[in-house]
C-alpha atoms as a PDB file:
ATOM      1  CA  MET A   1     139.937 -43.433  46.360  1.00  0.00           C
ATOM      2  CA  GLN A   2     141.396 -39.869  46.344  1.00  0.00           C
ATOM      3  CA  PHE A   3     140.189 -37.242  43.866  1.00  0.00           C
ATOM      4  CA  GLN A   4     141.498 -33.736  43.172  1.00  0.00           C
ATOM      5  CA  VAL A   5     138.910 -31.299  42.001  1.00  0.00           C
ATOM      6  CA  THR A   6     140.171 -29.480  38.824  1.00  0.00           C
ATOM      7  CA  ALA A   7     137.113 -27.453  38.004  1.00  0.00           C
ATOM      8  CA  ILE A   8     133.645 -26.997  39.652  1.00  0.00           C
ATOM      9  CA  GLU A   9     130.539 -25.219  38.951  1.00  0.00           C
ATOM     10  CA  PHE A  10     128.213 -24.912  41.857  1.00  0.00           C
ATOM     11  CA  ASP A  11     124.256 -24.025  41.504  1.00  0.00           C
ATOM     12  CA  PHE A  12     124.434 -20.533  43.050  1.00  0.00           C
ATOM     13  CA  ASP A  13     121.477 -19.600  40.980  1.00  0.00           C
ATOM     14  CA  ASP A  14     119.016 -18.659  43.798  1.00  0.00           C
ATOM     15  CA  GLU A  15     121.758 -17.438  46.145  1.00  0.00           C
ATOM     16  CA  ASP A  16     122.461 -13.930  47.185  1.00  0.00           C
ATOM     17  CA  LEU A  17     126.289 -14.200  47.198  1.00  0.00           C
ATOM     18  CA  HIS A  18     128.699 -11.582  46.081  1.00  0.00           C
ATOM     19  CA  PRO A  19     131.031 -12.642  43.145  1.00  0.00           C
ATOM     20  CA  GLU A  20     133.855 -12.737  45.599  1.00  0.00           C
ATOM     21  CA  GLU A  21     132.190 -15.166  47.886  1.00  0.00           C
ATOM     22  CA  LYS A  22     131.330 -17.387  45.014  1.00  0.00           C
ATOM     23  CA  SER A  23     135.062 -17.312  43.747  1.00  0.00           C
ATOM     24  CA  ASP A  24     136.234 -17.879  47.356  1.00  0.00           C
ATOM     25  CA  ILE A  25     134.017 -21.173  47.500  1.00  0.00           C
ATOM     26  CA  ILE A  26     135.202 -22.369  44.262  1.00  0.00           C
ATOM     27  CA  GLU A  27     138.966 -21.512  44.910  1.00  0.00           C
ATOM     28  CA  ASP A  28     138.390 -23.614  48.191  1.00  0.00           C
ATOM     29  CA  THR A  29     137.394 -26.626  46.308  1.00  0.00           C
ATOM     30  CA  VAL A  30     139.399 -26.779  43.341  1.00  0.00           C
ATOM     31  CA  GLY A  31     142.860 -28.421  44.264  1.00  0.00           C
ATOM     32  CA  HIS A  32     141.503 -30.019  47.342  1.00  0.00           C
ATOM     33  CA  ILE A  33     142.065 -33.780  47.690  1.00  0.00           C
ATOM     34  CA  TRP A  34     138.763 -35.544  48.542  1.00  0.00           C
ATOM     35  CA  GLU A  35     138.491 -38.872  49.829  1.00  0.00           C
ATOM     36  CA  ALA A  36     135.328 -40.758  48.141  1.00  0.00           C
ATOM     37  CA  ASP A  37     134.223 -44.132  46.917  1.00  0.00           C
ATOM     38  CA  ASP A  38     133.542 -42.906  43.555  1.00  0.00           C
ATOM     39  CA  GLU A  39     132.162 -39.873  41.329  1.00  0.00           C
ATOM     40  CA  ASP A  40     128.754 -39.912  42.913  1.00  0.00           C
ATOM     41  CA  ASP A  41     130.179 -40.036  46.604  1.00  0.00           C
ATOM     42  CA  LEU A  42     132.501 -37.149  45.561  1.00  0.00           C
ATOM     43  CA  VAL A  43     129.673 -35.124  44.613  1.00  0.00           C
ATOM     44  CA  GLU A  44     127.956 -36.022  47.749  1.00  0.00           C
ATOM     45  CA  GLU A  45     131.013 -35.275  49.846  1.00  0.00           C
ATOM     46  CA  ILE A  46     131.246 -31.725  48.480  1.00  0.00           C
ATOM     47  CA  THR A  47     127.644 -31.030  48.588  1.00  0.00           C
ATOM     48  CA  THR A  48     127.674 -31.755  52.109  1.00  0.00           C
ATOM     49  CA  ALA A  49     130.596 -29.848  52.983  1.00  0.00           C
ATOM     50  CA  TYR A  50     129.552 -26.642  51.090  1.00  0.00           C
ATOM     51  CA  GLY A  51     125.668 -26.895  51.161  1.00  0.00           C
ATOM     52  CA  TRP A  52     125.212 -26.235  47.396  1.00  0.00           C
ATOM     53  CA  CYS A  53     124.529 -28.541  44.584  1.00  0.00           C
ATOM     54  CA  ILE A  54     126.909 -28.991  41.884  1.00  0.00           C
ATOM     55  CA  LYS A  55     126.298 -28.266  38.210  1.00  0.00           C
ATOM     56  CA  SER A  56     129.469 -29.678  37.014  1.00  0.00           C
ATOM     57  CA  ILE A  57     132.668 -31.037  38.251  1.00  0.00           C
ATOM     58  CA  ASP A  58     136.048 -32.099  36.639  1.00  0.00           C
ATOM     59  CA  TYR A  59     138.516 -34.166  38.936  1.00  0.00           C
ATOM     60  CA  ARG A  60     141.641 -36.294  38.523  1.00  0.00           C
ATOM     61  CA  HIS A  61     142.340 -39.513  40.496  1.00  0.00           C
ATOM     62  CA  VAL A  62     145.253 -39.218  42.856  1.00  0.00           C
ATOM     63  CA  LEU A  63     147.540 -42.294  42.844  1.00  0.00           C
ATOM     64  CA  LYS A  64     149.089 -42.957  46.105  1.00  0.00           C
END
């Protein structure tokens, strides 16, 4: 299945990142099309790609 992230919140709480860096990471993720088996796999794919846990995520299914 393909998913397009429409909104995401990463767990940046313990990270020493500038707001611009956080914004760049979020902007890279939102709108991106991800290939995953289901929502749990989507979360795992994004966590693996970026290295931060996800607090919340909204997405839509992309129909071929």
